[in-house]
Amino acid sequence: MAGISRTTAKEHLARRNLARRNLEQQSSPAEDAAELAAYIADMTTELADLAGKARLPMLAYFLNLARVEAQIYARENDSRTVARER
């Protein structure tokens, strides 16, 4: 993948595979959505960096907006975070 190191690409692939396995294990929909949101946050970070380097400021802006929304959702719906708050 151009612009993404092999290590980073492998980490993303491993995270995606983990997300798929968790979906197959019938975890709760909220946990699945939170995990997916965290993955989307990671991916949009990479994409926003690429857009910034390519001098595509509006695209970088919208990708960063999506990243923040995904991070907020993941944080608010992560069952581990909720369990710690109790």
N, C-alpha and C. Protein backbone atom coordinates (compact mmCIF):
# COMPACT_ATOMS: atom_id res chain seq x y z
N MET A 1 0.85 -1.18 0.00
CA MET A 1 0.00 0.00 0.00
C MET A 1 0.88 1.23 0.00
N ALA A 2 0.64 2.10 -0.93
CA ALA A 2 1.44 3.31 -1.03
C ALA A 2 1.14 4.24 0.14
N GLY A 3 2.19 4.73 0.77
CA GLY A 3 2.02 5.70 1.84
C GLY A 3 1.78 5.11 3.21
N ILE A 4 1.55 3.81 3.30
CA ILE A 4 1.33 3.17 4.59
C ILE A 4 2.41 2.11 4.76
N SER A 5 3.08 2.14 5.88
CA SER A 5 4.15 1.16 6.11
C SER A 5 3.56 -0.24 6.21
N ARG A 6 4.41 -1.22 5.96
CA ARG A 6 3.95 -2.61 6.05
C ARG A 6 3.45 -2.94 7.45
N THR A 7 4.14 -2.43 8.46
CA THR A 7 3.72 -2.68 9.83
C THR A 7 2.34 -2.11 10.08
N THR A 8 2.11 -0.88 9.64
CA THR A 8 0.81 -0.25 9.83
C THR A 8 -0.27 -1.03 9.09
N ALA A 9 0.01 -1.43 7.86
CA ALA A 9 -0.97 -2.19 7.08
C ALA A 9 -1.28 -3.52 7.76
N LYS A 10 -0.25 -4.17 8.31
CA LYS A 10 -0.47 -5.43 9.02
C LYS A 10 -1.29 -5.22 10.28
N GLU A 11 -1.04 -4.11 10.98
CA GLU A 11 -1.82 -3.81 12.19
C GLU A 11 -3.28 -3.59 11.85
N HIS A 12 -3.55 -2.88 10.76
CA HIS A 12 -4.93 -2.64 10.34
C HIS A 12 -5.61 -3.93 9.95
N LEU A 13 -4.88 -4.79 9.24
CA LEU A 13 -5.45 -6.08 8.84
C LEU A 13 -5.76 -6.93 10.07
N ALA A 14 -4.85 -6.94 11.03
CA ALA A 14 -5.08 -7.72 12.26
C ALA A 14 -6.28 -7.19 13.01
N ARG A 15 -6.41 -5.86 13.10
CA ARG A 15 -7.55 -5.26 13.82
C ARG A 15 -8.86 -5.58 13.10
N ARG A 16 -8.85 -5.52 11.77
CA ARG A 16 -10.06 -5.84 11.00
C ARG A 16 -10.45 -7.29 11.21
N ASN A 17 -9.46 -8.19 11.18
CA ASN A 17 -9.76 -9.61 11.40
C ASN A 17 -10.29 -9.85 12.80
N LEU A 18 -9.74 -9.16 13.79
CA LEU A 18 -10.24 -9.27 15.16
C LEU A 18 -11.69 -8.80 15.24
N ALA A 19 -12.00 -7.71 14.57
CA ALA A 19 -13.37 -7.20 14.56
C ALA A 19 -14.32 -8.22 13.93
N ARG A 20 -13.90 -8.84 12.86
CA ARG A 20 -14.74 -9.85 12.22
C ARG A 20 -14.97 -11.04 13.14
N ARG A 21 -13.90 -11.49 13.81
CA ARG A 21 -14.05 -12.63 14.72
C ARG A 21 -15.01 -12.29 15.86
N ASN A 22 -14.90 -11.09 16.37
CA ASN A 22 -15.80 -10.68 17.46
C ASN A 22 -17.24 -10.63 16.99
N LEU A 23 -17.47 -10.19 15.75
CA LEU A 23 -18.83 -10.18 15.22
C LEU A 23 -19.38 -11.60 15.12
N GLU A 24 -18.52 -12.53 14.72
CA GLU A 24 -18.94 -13.92 14.59
C GLU A 24 -19.22 -14.56 15.95
N GLN A 25 -18.62 -14.06 17.02
CA GLN A 25 -18.82 -14.63 18.35
C GLN A 25 -20.08 -14.09 19.02
N GLN A 26 -20.88 -13.35 18.28
CA GLN A 26 -22.16 -12.86 18.76
C GLN A 26 -22.02 -11.95 19.98
N SER A 27 -21.09 -11.02 19.94
CA SER A 27 -21.01 -10.03 21.01
C SER A 27 -22.18 -9.06 20.83
N SER A 28 -22.40 -8.22 21.83
CA SER A 28 -23.56 -7.34 21.77
C SER A 28 -23.40 -6.32 20.64
N PRO A 29 -24.50 -5.86 20.07
CA PRO A 29 -24.43 -4.88 18.98
C PRO A 29 -23.70 -3.59 19.37
N ALA A 30 -23.86 -3.13 20.61
CA ALA A 30 -23.19 -1.91 21.06
C ALA A 30 -21.68 -2.11 21.09
N GLU A 31 -21.22 -3.27 21.56
CA GLU A 31 -19.80 -3.55 21.58
C GLU A 31 -19.25 -3.63 20.17
N ASP A 32 -19.99 -4.27 19.27
CA ASP A 32 -19.56 -4.38 17.88
C ASP A 32 -19.45 -2.99 17.25
N ALA A 33 -20.44 -2.16 17.49
CA ALA A 33 -20.45 -0.82 16.91
C ALA A 33 -19.31 0.02 17.47
N ALA A 34 -19.04 -0.10 18.76
CA ALA A 34 -17.95 0.66 19.38
C ALA A 34 -16.60 0.22 18.81
N GLU A 35 -16.43 -1.08 18.64
CA GLU A 35 -15.18 -1.59 18.08
C GLU A 35 -15.02 -1.16 16.63
N LEU A 36 -16.09 -1.20 15.89
CA LEU A 36 -16.05 -0.75 14.50
C LEU A 36 -15.76 0.75 14.43
N ALA A 37 -16.35 1.51 15.31
CA ALA A 37 -16.09 2.96 15.35
C ALA A 37 -14.62 3.24 15.65
N ALA A 38 -14.02 2.47 16.55
CA ALA A 38 -12.60 2.64 16.85
C ALA A 38 -11.74 2.33 15.63
N TYR A 39 -12.11 1.29 14.91
CA TYR A 39 -11.39 0.93 13.68
C TYR A 39 -11.54 2.04 12.63
N ILE A 40 -12.74 2.56 12.48
CA ILE A 40 -12.97 3.66 11.53
C ILE A 40 -12.15 4.88 11.93
N ALA A 41 -12.05 5.15 13.22
CA ALA A 41 -11.23 6.28 13.68
C ALA A 41 -9.78 6.09 13.27
N ASP A 42 -9.27 4.88 13.44
CA ASP A 42 -7.89 4.60 13.03
C ASP A 42 -7.70 4.78 11.52
N MET A 43 -8.63 4.26 10.76
CA MET A 43 -8.51 4.35 9.30
C MET A 43 -8.63 5.79 8.81
N THR A 44 -9.55 6.55 9.37
CA THR A 44 -9.71 7.93 8.91
C THR A 44 -8.51 8.79 9.31
N THR A 45 -7.83 8.42 10.39
CA THR A 45 -6.60 9.12 10.75
C THR A 45 -5.57 8.96 9.65
N GLU A 46 -5.39 7.72 9.19
CA GLU A 46 -4.44 7.44 8.10
C GLU A 46 -4.85 8.18 6.83
N LEU A 47 -6.13 8.12 6.51
CA LEU A 47 -6.61 8.76 5.27
C LEU A 47 -6.49 10.28 5.34
N ALA A 48 -6.77 10.86 6.50
CA ALA A 48 -6.63 12.31 6.66
C ALA A 48 -5.18 12.74 6.50
N ASP A 49 -4.26 11.93 7.03
CA ASP A 49 -2.83 12.23 6.86
C ASP A 49 -2.46 12.20 5.38
N LEU A 50 -2.94 11.19 4.67
CA LEU A 50 -2.66 11.10 3.23
C LEU A 50 -3.24 12.30 2.48
N ALA A 51 -4.46 12.67 2.82
CA ALA A 51 -5.10 13.82 2.16
C ALA A 51 -4.34 15.11 2.45
N GLY A 52 -3.87 15.26 3.67
CA GLY A 52 -3.09 16.45 4.02
C GLY A 52 -1.80 16.52 3.24
N LYS A 53 -1.11 15.39 3.13
CA LYS A 53 0.15 15.35 2.38
C LYS A 53 -0.07 15.60 0.90
N ALA A 54 -1.25 15.25 0.41
CA ALA A 54 -1.58 15.46 -1.01
C ALA A 54 -2.17 16.84 -1.26
N ARG A 55 -2.18 17.68 -0.22
CA ARG A 55 -2.72 19.04 -0.31
C ARG A 55 -4.20 19.05 -0.73
N LEU A 56 -4.94 18.23 -0.02
CA LEU A 56 -6.39 18.17 -0.20
C LEU A 56 -7.04 18.57 1.12
N PRO A 57 -7.02 19.87 1.43
CA PRO A 57 -7.42 20.31 2.77
C PRO A 57 -8.88 20.02 3.12
N MET A 58 -9.79 20.16 2.19
CA MET A 58 -11.20 19.90 2.52
C MET A 58 -11.43 18.43 2.80
N LEU A 59 -10.80 17.58 2.01
CA LEU A 59 -10.93 16.14 2.24
C LEU A 59 -10.32 15.78 3.60
N ALA A 60 -9.16 16.33 3.91
CA ALA A 60 -8.53 16.09 5.21
C ALA A 60 -9.44 16.56 6.34
N TYR A 61 -10.07 17.71 6.15
CA TYR A 61 -10.98 18.26 7.17
C TYR A 61 -12.14 17.30 7.43
N PHE A 62 -12.79 16.83 6.36
CA PHE A 62 -13.95 15.94 6.54
C PHE A 62 -13.53 14.59 7.11
N LEU A 63 -12.37 14.09 6.73
CA LEU A 63 -11.89 12.83 7.30
C LEU A 63 -11.59 13.00 8.79
N ASN A 64 -11.02 14.14 9.16
CA ASN A 64 -10.78 14.39 10.58
C ASN A 64 -12.09 14.55 11.35
N LEU A 65 -13.08 15.13 10.72
CA LEU A 65 -14.41 15.24 11.35
C LEU A 65 -14.98 13.85 11.59
N ALA A 66 -14.86 12.98 10.60
CA ALA A 66 -15.33 11.59 10.75
C ALA A 66 -14.55 10.87 11.84
N ARG A 67 -13.25 11.12 11.92
CA ARG A 67 -12.41 10.51 12.96
C ARG A 67 -12.90 10.90 14.36
N VAL A 68 -13.14 12.18 14.55
CA VAL A 68 -13.59 12.66 15.86
C VAL A 68 -14.94 12.05 16.22
N GLU A 69 -15.86 12.00 15.28
CA GLU A 69 -17.17 11.40 15.54
C GLU A 69 -17.02 9.93 15.91
N ALA A 70 -16.17 9.22 15.19
CA ALA A 70 -15.95 7.80 15.49
C ALA A 70 -15.32 7.62 16.86
N GLN A 71 -14.35 8.46 17.20
CA GLN A 71 -13.71 8.38 18.52
C GLN A 71 -14.71 8.64 19.64
N ILE A 72 -15.55 9.62 19.47
CA ILE A 72 -16.57 9.93 20.48
C ILE A 72 -17.52 8.75 20.66
N TYR A 73 -17.99 8.19 19.54
CA TYR A 73 -18.91 7.06 19.63
C TYR A 73 -18.23 5.87 20.31
N ALA A 74 -16.99 5.59 19.90
CA ALA A 74 -16.28 4.45 20.48
C ALA A 74 -16.08 4.64 21.98
N ARG A 75 -15.71 5.83 22.38
CA ARG A 75 -15.47 6.12 23.80
C ARG A 75 -16.77 6.00 24.61
N GLU A 76 -17.86 6.54 24.08
CA GLU A 76 -19.12 6.53 24.82
C GLU A 76 -19.79 5.16 24.87
N ASN A 77 -19.44 4.28 23.94
CA ASN A 77 -20.12 2.98 23.86
C ASN A 77 -19.21 1.80 24.13
N ASP A 78 -17.99 2.03 24.56
CA ASP A 78 -17.06 0.95 24.87
C ASP A 78 -17.47 0.34 26.21
N SER A 79 -17.77 -0.94 26.21
CA SER A 79 -18.24 -1.61 27.43
C SER A 79 -17.18 -1.61 28.52
N ARG A 80 -15.90 -1.63 28.14
CA ARG A 80 -14.84 -1.60 29.15
C ARG A 80 -14.84 -0.25 29.87
N THR A 81 -15.08 0.83 29.12
CA THR A 81 -15.12 2.16 29.72
C THR A 81 -16.33 2.26 30.64
N VAL A 82 -17.47 1.78 30.20
CA VAL A 82 -18.69 1.82 31.02
C VAL A 82 -18.50 1.03 32.30
N ALA A 83 -17.86 -0.15 32.21
CA ALA A 83 -17.64 -0.98 33.39
C ALA A 83 -16.72 -0.26 34.38
N ARG A 84 -15.72 0.46 33.91
CA ARG A 84 -14.80 1.17 34.78
C ARG A 84 -15.49 2.33 35.48
N GLU A 85 -16.47 2.95 34.84
CA GLU A 85 -17.15 4.11 35.40
C GLU A 85 -18.11 3.72 36.53
N ARG A 86 -18.50 2.49 36.58
CA ARG A 86 -19.48 2.04 37.58
C ARG A 86 -18.87 1.88 38.93
